[in-house]
Amino acid sequence: MAIAEMLRSRDFISVEELAAHFAVATQTIRRDLVALCDQGVARRRHGGIESLARSGNLTFRDRRVLNREAKQSIAATVASQVGDGESISLGIGTTTQFVAEALLSHRQLKIVTNNLPIALMVGQNSDFSLAIAGGTVRGGDLDVCGSTVDAFFASYKVDIAIFGVGGIDEDGSLLDFSEEEVRAREAMLRSCRKSYLVLDSSKFTRPAHVHGGRIDQVTAVFCETEPPKAIRQMLDQSGVEFVKSSEAAVRS
């Protein structure tokens, strides 16, 4: 996980550099690199590994590896804000899947989603009701997006919409990797009473090229660390609640 994090800001890292950084043998590093490449997080190059994330978004499986503890912490904190019997829409991405996992101990939730791993998990809980969007599945992302999804979310009025984002620009713009991701998120935002934006701190520096909405348009933002000063001021001025998660939330 630490090596995967390093690759978020580097195109290439050598075996020798990693061995020195972690104070382990090069053979140990090579075993870890094989595992990362098998997971699709990186690609082997002579003398080291190169990142696969620089040209766009990672696959769903790859993103679950990154910032796992932060996402679990955020998820536990979000779950503590959800009451039994509420209706919840859950968007695409790995952080929302961790939220769904944290919600499994609740009772009689009504779940609306276009996220296939969430649907598979929630569907096994007979105490929950589940509605899932139909349409074309995006390979690698394990979700459904498109015009049918926009209409799907528009047909519900849920208590809470919970969604992630590809990145946050320094001016507070919400960024994603495709127009259909933005449209799905905005459809969720229009069809809820409260909206929770869930993101780990890496999203504050992550580039994505499709803009849709602003961080000060949601009800609350959940993150494991404080946001940049300008973003925090924006949230405070607009009345958006900022909730900092903690490891204690995961243990509880």
C-alpha atoms as a PDB file:
ATOM      1  CA  MET A   1       0.000   0.000   0.000  1.00  0.00           C
ATOM      2  CA  ALA A   2       2.834   2.394   0.781  1.00  0.00           C
ATOM      3  CA  ILE A   3       4.470   1.741  -2.591  1.00  0.00           C
ATOM      4  CA  ALA A   4       1.121   2.254  -4.354  1.00  0.00           C
ATOM      5  CA  GLU A   5       0.799   5.609  -2.585  1.00  0.00           C
ATOM      6  CA  MET A   6       4.281   6.640  -3.745  1.00  0.00           C
ATOM      7  CA  LEU A   7       3.286   5.857  -7.333  1.00  0.00           C
ATOM      8  CA  ARG A   8       0.474   8.422  -7.179  1.00  0.00           C
ATOM      9  CA  SER A   9       3.063  11.187  -7.642  1.00  0.00           C
ATOM     10  CA  ARG A  10       5.798   9.311  -9.502  1.00  0.00           C
ATOM     11  CA  ASP A  11       6.011   7.840 -12.993  1.00  0.00           C
ATOM     12  CA  PHE A  12       8.807   5.410 -12.125  1.00  0.00           C
ATOM     13  CA  ILE A  13      10.485   4.104  -8.945  1.00  0.00           C
ATOM     14  CA  SER A  14      13.544   1.855  -8.953  1.00  0.00           C
ATOM     15  CA  VAL A  15      13.944  -1.311  -6.909  1.00  0.00           C
ATOM     16  CA  GLU A  16      17.092   0.091  -5.296  1.00  0.00           C
ATOM     17  CA  GLU A  17      15.305   3.283  -4.189  1.00  0.00           C
ATOM     18  CA  LEU A  18      12.459   1.313  -2.657  1.00  0.00           C
ATOM     19  CA  ALA A  19      14.815  -1.074  -0.879  1.00  0.00           C
ATOM     20  CA  ALA A  20      16.679   1.872   0.644  1.00  0.00           C
ATOM     21  CA  HIS A  21      13.459   3.680   1.557  1.00  0.00           C
ATOM     22  CA  PHE A  22      12.003   0.693   3.435  1.00  0.00           C
ATOM     23  CA  ALA A  23      15.369  -0.659   4.661  1.00  0.00           C
ATOM     24  CA  VAL A  24      14.730  -4.127   3.241  1.00  0.00           C
ATOM     25  CA  ALA A  25      16.450  -6.395   0.743  1.00  0.00           C
ATOM     26  CA  THR A  26      15.840  -5.899  -2.970  1.00  0.00           C
ATOM     27  CA  GLN A  27      14.421  -9.433  -3.102  1.00  0.00           C
ATOM     28  CA  THR A  28      11.712  -8.372  -0.636  1.00  0.00           C
ATOM     29  CA  ILE A  29      10.860  -5.343  -2.762  1.00  0.00           C
ATOM     30  CA  ARG A  30      10.692  -7.436  -5.931  1.00  0.00           C
ATOM     31  CA  ARG A  31       8.103  -9.729  -4.312  1.00  0.00           C
ATOM     32  CA  ASP A  32       5.969  -6.706  -3.423  1.00  0.00           C
ATOM     33  CA  LEU A  33       6.306  -5.338  -6.945  1.00  0.00           C
ATOM     34  CA  VAL A  34       5.149  -8.634  -8.423  1.00  0.00           C
ATOM     35  CA  ALA A  35       2.061  -8.462  -6.193  1.00  0.00           C
ATOM     36  CA  LEU A  36       1.315  -4.871  -7.252  1.00  0.00           C
ATOM     37  CA  CYS A  37       1.655  -5.735 -10.911  1.00  0.00           C
ATOM     38  CA  ASP A  38      -0.572  -8.802 -10.490  1.00  0.00           C
ATOM     39  CA  GLN A  39      -3.204  -6.498  -8.991  1.00  0.00           C
ATOM     40  CA  GLY A  40      -2.933  -4.119 -11.945  1.00  0.00           C
ATOM     41  CA  VAL A  41      -1.702  -1.201  -9.848  1.00  0.00           C
ATOM     42  CA  ALA A  42       1.668  -0.918 -11.611  1.00  0.00           C
ATOM     43  CA  ARG A  43       3.684  -2.225 -14.573  1.00  0.00           C
ATOM     44  CA  ARG A  44       7.184  -3.711 -14.388  1.00  0.00           C
ATOM     45  CA  ARG A  45       9.963  -1.800 -16.096  1.00  0.00           C
ATOM     46  CA  HIS A  46      13.662  -2.594 -16.185  1.00  0.00           C
ATOM     47  CA  GLY A  47      15.003  -1.815 -12.726  1.00  0.00           C
ATOM     48  CA  GLY A  48      11.671  -0.968 -11.114  1.00  0.00           C
ATOM     49  CA  ILE A  49       7.980  -0.225 -11.713  1.00  0.00           C
ATOM     50  CA  GLU A  50       5.985   2.490 -13.413  1.00  0.00           C
ATOM     51  CA  SER A  51       2.594   3.927 -12.527  1.00  0.00           C
ATOM     52  CA  LEU A  52      -0.569   3.115 -14.472  1.00  0.00           C
ATOM     53  CA  ALA A  53      -2.538   5.961 -12.903  1.00  0.00           C
ATOM     54  CA  ARG A  54      -0.984   8.993 -14.583  1.00  0.00           C
ATOM     55  CA  SER A  55      -3.202   9.060 -17.668  1.00  0.00           C
ATOM     56  CA  GLY A  56      -6.564   8.596 -15.976  1.00  0.00           C
ATOM     57  CA  ASN A  57      -8.503   6.851 -13.272  1.00  0.00           C
ATOM     58  CA  LEU A  58      -7.507   3.483 -11.844  1.00  0.00           C
ATOM     59  CA  THR A  59      -9.806   0.492 -12.051  1.00  0.00           C
ATOM     60  CA  PHE A  60     -12.180  -0.206  -9.186  1.00  0.00           C
ATOM     61  CA  ARG A  61     -10.016  -3.080  -7.918  1.00  0.00           C
ATOM     62  CA  ASP A  62      -6.883  -0.931  -7.969  1.00  0.00           C
ATOM     63  CA  ARG A  63      -8.532   1.962  -6.125  1.00  0.00           C
ATOM     64  CA  ARG A  64      -9.654  -0.313  -3.271  1.00  0.00           C
ATOM     65  CA  VAL A  65      -5.964  -0.897  -2.465  1.00  0.00           C
ATOM     66  CA  LEU A  66      -5.193   2.812  -2.110  1.00  0.00           C
ATOM     67  CA  ASN A  67      -5.863   4.745   1.115  1.00  0.00           C
ATOM     68  CA  ARG A  68      -7.783   1.803   2.527  1.00  0.00           C
ATOM     69  CA  GLU A  69      -7.483   2.803   6.205  1.00  0.00           C
ATOM     70  CA  ALA A  70      -8.558   6.380   5.484  1.00  0.00           C
ATOM     71  CA  LYS A  71     -11.580   5.165   3.512  1.00  0.00           C
ATOM     72  CA  GLN A  72     -12.599   2.770   6.275  1.00  0.00           C
ATOM     73  CA  SER A  73     -12.317   5.566   8.827  1.00  0.00           C
ATOM     74  CA  ILE A  74     -14.446   7.875   6.682  1.00  0.00           C
ATOM     75  CA  ALA A  75     -16.999   5.125   6.124  1.00  0.00           C
ATOM     76  CA  ALA A  76     -17.391   4.384   9.830  1.00  0.00           C
ATOM     77  CA  THR A  77     -17.913   8.076  10.572  1.00  0.00           C
ATOM     78  CA  VAL A  78     -20.516   8.422   7.814  1.00  0.00           C
ATOM     79  CA  ALA A  79     -22.359   5.320   9.047  1.00  0.00           C
ATOM     80  CA  SER A  80     -22.633   6.886  12.502  1.00  0.00           C
ATOM     81  CA  GLN A  81     -24.613   9.739  10.918  1.00  0.00           C
ATOM     82  CA  VAL A  82     -27.191   7.431   9.290  1.00  0.00           C
ATOM     83  CA  GLY A  83     -30.251   6.229  11.175  1.00  0.00           C
ATOM     84  CA  ASP A  84     -32.127   2.951  10.838  1.00  0.00           C
ATOM     85  CA  GLY A  85     -34.891   2.954   8.263  1.00  0.00           C
ATOM     86  CA  GLU A  86     -33.508   5.824   6.185  1.00  0.00           C
ATOM     87  CA  SER A  87     -33.349   5.864   2.390  1.00  0.00           C
ATOM     88  CA  ILE A  88     -29.826   6.181   0.982  1.00  0.00           C
ATOM     89  CA  SER A  89     -28.451   6.612  -2.518  1.00  0.00           C
ATOM     90  CA  LEU A  90     -24.861   5.425  -2.942  1.00  0.00           C
ATOM     91  CA  GLY A  91     -22.748   6.493  -5.913  1.00  0.00           C
ATOM     92  CA  ILE A  92     -19.802   4.998  -7.737  1.00  0.00           C
ATOM     93  CA  GLY A  93     -16.324   4.544  -6.321  1.00  0.00           C
ATOM     94  CA  THR A  94     -14.534   2.602  -3.611  1.00  0.00           C
ATOM     95  CA  THR A  95     -15.143   4.946  -0.679  1.00  0.00           C
ATOM     96  CA  THR A  96     -18.890   4.548  -1.087  1.00  0.00           C
ATOM     97  CA  GLN A  97     -18.413   0.777  -1.057  1.00  0.00           C
ATOM     98  CA  PHE A  98     -16.668   1.050   2.302  1.00  0.00           C
ATOM     99  CA  VAL A  99     -19.615   3.154   3.466  1.00  0.00           C
ATOM    100  CA  ALA A 100     -22.015   0.409   2.365  1.00  0.00           C
ATOM    101  CA  GLU A 101     -19.992  -2.144   4.336  1.00  0.00           C
ATOM    102  CA  ALA A 102     -20.156   0.077   7.416  1.00  0.00           C
ATOM    103  CA  LEU A 103     -23.934   0.361   7.034  1.00  0.00           C
ATOM    104  CA  LEU A 104     -24.571  -3.394   7.046  1.00  0.00           C
ATOM    105  CA  SER A 105     -25.255  -3.405  10.796  1.00  0.00           C
ATOM    106  CA  HIS A 106     -28.114  -0.893  10.350  1.00  0.00           C
ATOM    107  CA  ARG A 107     -31.714  -1.995  10.052  1.00  0.00           C
ATOM    108  CA  GLN A 108     -34.297  -1.566   7.300  1.00  0.00           C
ATOM    109  CA  LEU A 109     -32.302   0.759   5.080  1.00  0.00           C
ATOM    110  CA  LYS A 110     -33.565   1.512   1.585  1.00  0.00           C
ATOM    111  CA  ILE A 111     -30.608   1.540  -0.795  1.00  0.00           C
ATOM    112  CA  VAL A 112     -30.544   3.063  -4.290  1.00  0.00           C
ATOM    113  CA  THR A 113     -27.329   2.628  -6.282  1.00  0.00           C
ATOM    114  CA  ASN A 114     -25.573   2.267  -9.624  1.00  0.00           C
ATOM    115  CA  ASN A 115     -22.543   0.675  -7.952  1.00  0.00           C
ATOM    116  CA  LEU A 116     -22.482  -3.073  -8.679  1.00  0.00           C
ATOM    117  CA  PRO A 117     -20.255  -4.230  -5.768  1.00  0.00           C
ATOM    118  CA  ILE A 118     -22.548  -2.318  -3.400  1.00  0.00           C
ATOM    119  CA  ALA A 119     -25.625  -3.916  -4.948  1.00  0.00           C
ATOM    120  CA  LEU A 120     -24.137  -7.417  -4.586  1.00  0.00           C
ATOM    121  CA  MET A 121     -23.234  -6.783  -0.960  1.00  0.00           C
ATOM    122  CA  VAL A 122     -26.474  -5.073   0.078  1.00  0.00           C
ATOM    123  CA  GLY A 123     -28.588  -7.578  -1.820  1.00  0.00           C
ATOM    124  CA  GLN A 124     -27.508 -10.322   0.579  1.00  0.00           C
ATOM    125  CA  ASN A 125     -29.049  -8.474   3.539  1.00  0.00           C
ATOM    126  CA  SER A 126     -32.728  -9.427   3.626  1.00  0.00           C
ATOM    127  CA  ASP A 127     -33.463  -6.584   6.050  1.00  0.00           C
ATOM    128  CA  PHE A 128     -32.585  -3.973   3.406  1.00  0.00           C
ATOM    129  CA  SER A 129     -34.514  -2.995   0.309  1.00  0.00           C
ATOM    130  CA  LEU A 130     -32.449  -2.429  -2.819  1.00  0.00           C
ATOM    131  CA  ALA A 131     -32.980  -0.667  -6.143  1.00  0.00           C
ATOM    132  CA  ILE A 132     -30.234  -0.839  -8.755  1.00  0.00           C
ATOM    133  CA  ALA A 133     -29.833   1.122 -11.966  1.00  0.00           C
ATOM    134  CA  GLY A 134     -30.041  -0.721 -15.277  1.00  0.00           C
ATOM    135  CA  GLY A 135     -27.907  -0.075 -18.325  1.00  0.00           C
ATOM    136  CA  THR A 136     -24.431  -0.784 -19.659  1.00  0.00           C
ATOM    137  CA  VAL A 137     -21.778  -1.822 -17.154  1.00  0.00           C
ATOM    138  CA  ARG A 138     -18.460   0.009 -17.412  1.00  0.00           C
ATOM    139  CA  GLY A 139     -15.698  -2.592 -17.474  1.00  0.00           C
ATOM    140  CA  GLY A 140     -13.046  -2.026 -14.813  1.00  0.00           C
ATOM    141  CA  ASP A 141     -15.213   0.451 -12.907  1.00  0.00           C
ATOM    142  CA  LEU A 142     -17.980  -2.011 -12.007  1.00  0.00           C
ATOM    143  CA  ASP A 143     -20.750   0.558 -12.237  1.00  0.00           C
ATOM    144  CA  VAL A 144     -23.536   1.710 -14.529  1.00  0.00           C
ATOM    145  CA  CYS A 145     -23.584   5.232 -15.966  1.00  0.00           C
ATOM    146  CA  GLY A 146     -25.476   7.002 -18.743  1.00  0.00           C
ATOM    147  CA  SER A 147     -28.884   8.550 -19.431  1.00  0.00           C
ATOM    148  CA  THR A 148     -30.767   5.629 -17.876  1.00  0.00           C
ATOM    149  CA  VAL A 149     -28.897   6.172 -14.610  1.00  0.00           C
ATOM    150  CA  ASP A 150     -29.703   9.887 -14.536  1.00  0.00           C
ATOM    151  CA  ALA A 151     -33.399   9.055 -14.908  1.00  0.00           C
ATOM    152  CA  PHE A 152     -33.080   6.275 -12.340  1.00  0.00           C
ATOM    153  CA  PHE A 153     -31.821   8.571  -9.582  1.00  0.00           C
ATOM    154  CA  ALA A 154     -34.364  11.230 -10.577  1.00  0.00           C
ATOM    155  CA  SER A 155     -37.197   8.780  -9.848  1.00  0.00           C
ATOM    156  CA  TYR A 156     -36.323   8.688  -6.122  1.00  0.00           C
ATOM    157  CA  LYS A 157     -36.229  11.236  -3.296  1.00  0.00           C
ATOM    158  CA  VAL A 158     -33.889   9.800  -0.682  1.00  0.00           C
ATOM    159  CA  ASP A 159     -33.005  11.009   2.794  1.00  0.00           C
ATOM    160  CA  ILE A 160     -29.257  11.005   2.124  1.00  0.00           C
ATOM    161  CA  ALA A 161     -27.153  10.838  -1.046  1.00  0.00           C
ATOM    162  CA  ILE A 162     -23.617   9.586  -0.428  1.00  0.00           C
ATOM    163  CA  PHE A 163     -21.097   9.980  -3.243  1.00  0.00           C
ATOM    164  CA  GLY A 164     -17.419  10.417  -3.968  1.00  0.00           C
ATOM    165  CA  VAL A 165     -15.547  12.452  -6.539  1.00  0.00           C
ATOM    166  CA  GLY A 166     -12.501  12.062  -8.769  1.00  0.00           C
ATOM    167  CA  GLY A 167     -10.754  15.167  -7.450  1.00  0.00           C
ATOM    168  CA  ILE A 168     -11.204  18.609  -5.910  1.00  0.00           C
ATOM    169  CA  ASP A 169      -9.759  21.655  -7.648  1.00  0.00           C
ATOM    170  CA  GLU A 170      -8.203  24.401  -5.529  1.00  0.00           C
ATOM    171  CA  ASP A 171     -11.196  26.649  -6.321  1.00  0.00           C
ATOM    172  CA  GLY A 172     -13.609  24.055  -4.893  1.00  0.00           C
ATOM    173  CA  SER A 173     -14.746  22.573  -8.216  1.00  0.00           C
ATOM    174  CA  LEU A 174     -15.726  18.900  -8.157  1.00  0.00           C
ATOM    175  CA  LEU A 175     -13.850  16.937 -10.821  1.00  0.00           C
ATOM    176  CA  ASP A 176     -14.359  13.515 -12.388  1.00  0.00           C
ATOM    177  CA  PHE A 177     -12.976  11.514 -15.312  1.00  0.00           C
ATOM    178  CA  SER A 178     -16.059  11.437 -17.546  1.00  0.00           C
ATOM    179  CA  GLU A 179     -19.190  13.468 -18.246  1.00  0.00           C
ATOM    180  CA  GLU A 180     -21.428  10.517 -17.384  1.00  0.00           C
ATOM    181  CA  GLU A 181     -19.874  10.277 -13.908  1.00  0.00           C
ATOM    182  CA  VAL A 182     -20.626  13.953 -13.351  1.00  0.00           C
ATOM    183  CA  ARG A 183     -24.215  13.594 -14.587  1.00  0.00           C
ATOM    184  CA  ALA A 184     -24.866  10.637 -12.277  1.00  0.00           C
ATOM    185  CA  ARG A 185     -23.497  12.526  -9.284  1.00  0.00           C
ATOM    186  CA  GLU A 186     -25.529  15.637 -10.094  1.00  0.00           C
ATOM    187  CA  ALA A 187     -28.685  13.521 -10.505  1.00  0.00           C
ATOM    188  CA  MET A 188     -28.101  12.137  -7.015  1.00  0.00           C
ATOM    189  CA  LEU A 189     -27.580  15.641  -5.645  1.00  0.00           C
ATOM    190  CA  ARG A 190     -30.894  16.851  -7.071  1.00  0.00           C
ATOM    191  CA  SER A 191     -32.812  13.905  -5.628  1.00  0.00           C
ATOM    192  CA  CYS A 192     -31.946  13.954  -1.936  1.00  0.00           C
ATOM    193  CA  ARG A 193     -32.716  15.817   1.271  1.00  0.00           C
ATOM    194  CA  LYS A 194     -29.107  15.728   2.502  1.00  0.00           C
ATOM    195  CA  SER A 195     -25.905  15.111   0.541  1.00  0.00           C
ATOM    196  CA  TYR A 196     -22.675  13.656   1.943  1.00  0.00           C
ATOM    197  CA  LEU A 197     -19.464  14.006  -0.079  1.00  0.00           C
ATOM    198  CA  VAL A 198     -16.941  11.356   0.991  1.00  0.00           C
ATOM    199  CA  LEU A 199     -13.292  11.692  -0.008  1.00  0.00           C
ATOM    200  CA  ASP A 200      -9.839  10.862   1.286  1.00  0.00           C
ATOM    201  CA  SER A 201      -7.245  13.618   1.385  1.00  0.00           C
ATOM    202  CA  SER A 202      -5.519  12.532  -1.839  1.00  0.00           C
ATOM    203  CA  LYS A 203      -8.488  13.933  -3.781  1.00  0.00           C
ATOM    204  CA  PHE A 204      -7.420  17.497  -2.933  1.00  0.00           C
ATOM    205  CA  THR A 205      -4.390  17.152  -5.200  1.00  0.00           C
ATOM    206  CA  ARG A 206      -5.686  14.652  -7.754  1.00  0.00           C
ATOM    207  CA  PRO A 207      -6.148  15.896 -11.329  1.00  0.00           C
ATOM    208  CA  ALA A 208      -9.332  15.060 -13.239  1.00  0.00           C
ATOM    209  CA  HIS A 209     -10.564  16.978 -16.262  1.00  0.00           C
ATOM    210  CA  VAL A 210     -14.395  16.985 -16.183  1.00  0.00           C
ATOM    211  CA  HIS A 211     -15.986  19.642 -13.979  1.00  0.00           C
ATOM    212  CA  GLY A 212     -19.417  19.427 -12.409  1.00  0.00           C
ATOM    213  CA  GLY A 213     -20.567  21.220  -9.263  1.00  0.00           C
ATOM    214  CA  ARG A 214     -18.712  22.661  -6.293  1.00  0.00           C
ATOM    215  CA  ILE A 215     -17.747  21.421  -2.858  1.00  0.00           C
ATOM    216  CA  ASP A 216     -19.842  24.119  -1.184  1.00  0.00           C
ATOM    217  CA  GLN A 217     -23.078  22.738  -2.679  1.00  0.00           C
ATOM    218  CA  VAL A 218     -23.304  19.653  -0.449  1.00  0.00           C
ATOM    219  CA  THR A 219     -24.647  19.240   3.077  1.00  0.00           C
ATOM    220  CA  ALA A 220     -21.477  17.769   4.583  1.00  0.00           C
ATOM    221  CA  VAL A 221     -17.956  16.724   3.595  1.00  0.00           C
ATOM    222  CA  PHE A 222     -16.291  13.713   5.238  1.00  0.00           C
ATOM    223  CA  CYS A 223     -12.495  13.314   5.119  1.00  0.00           C
ATOM    224  CA  GLU A 224      -9.791  11.787   7.314  1.00  0.00           C
ATOM    225  CA  THR A 225      -7.733  15.004   7.496  1.00  0.00           C
ATOM    226  CA  GLU A 226      -8.339  18.731   7.403  1.00  0.00           C
ATOM    227  CA  PRO A 227      -8.769  20.124   3.873  1.00  0.00           C
ATOM    228  CA  PRO A 228      -6.521  22.869   2.469  1.00  0.00           C
ATOM    229  CA  LYS A 229      -7.071  26.209   4.165  1.00  0.00           C
ATOM    230  CA  ALA A 230      -8.853  27.829   1.202  1.00  0.00           C
ATOM    231  CA  ILE A 231     -11.260  24.884   0.920  1.00  0.00           C
ATOM    232  CA  ARG A 232     -11.986  24.929   4.660  1.00  0.00           C
ATOM    233  CA  GLN A 233     -12.768  28.655   4.505  1.00  0.00           C
ATOM    234  CA  MET A 234     -15.088  28.012   1.569  1.00  0.00           C
ATOM    235  CA  LEU A 235     -16.962  25.338   3.521  1.00  0.00           C
ATOM    236  CA  ASP A 236     -17.262  27.505   6.627  1.00  0.00           C
ATOM    237  CA  GLN A 237     -18.528  30.504   4.660  1.00  0.00           C
ATOM    238  CA  SER A 238     -21.155  28.450   2.852  1.00  0.00           C
ATOM    239  CA  GLY A 239     -22.368  26.607   5.943  1.00  0.00           C
ATOM    240  CA  VAL A 240     -21.245  23.175   4.734  1.00  0.00           C
ATOM    241  CA  GLU A 241     -20.418  20.878   7.637  1.00  0.00           C
ATOM    242  CA  PHE A 242     -16.925  19.371   7.628  1.00  0.00           C
ATOM    243  CA  VAL A 243     -16.562  16.067   9.488  1.00  0.00           C
ATOM    244  CA  LYS A 244     -13.084  14.731  10.194  1.00  0.00           C
ATOM    245  CA  SER A 245     -13.044  10.964  10.619  1.00  0.00           C
ATOM    246  CA  SER A 246     -10.810   9.078  13.023  1.00  0.00           C
ATOM    247  CA  GLU A 247      -9.418   5.603  13.594  1.00  0.00           C
ATOM    248  CA  ALA A 248     -11.569   5.416  16.727  1.00  0.00           C
ATOM    249  CA  ALA A 249     -14.644   5.384  14.482  1.00  0.00           C
ATOM    250  CA  VAL A 250     -13.379   2.204  12.806  1.00  0.00           C
ATOM    251  CA  ARG A 251     -12.693   0.474  16.138  1.00  0.00           C
ATOM    252  CA  SER A 252     -16.130   1.377  17.495  1.00  0.00           C
END
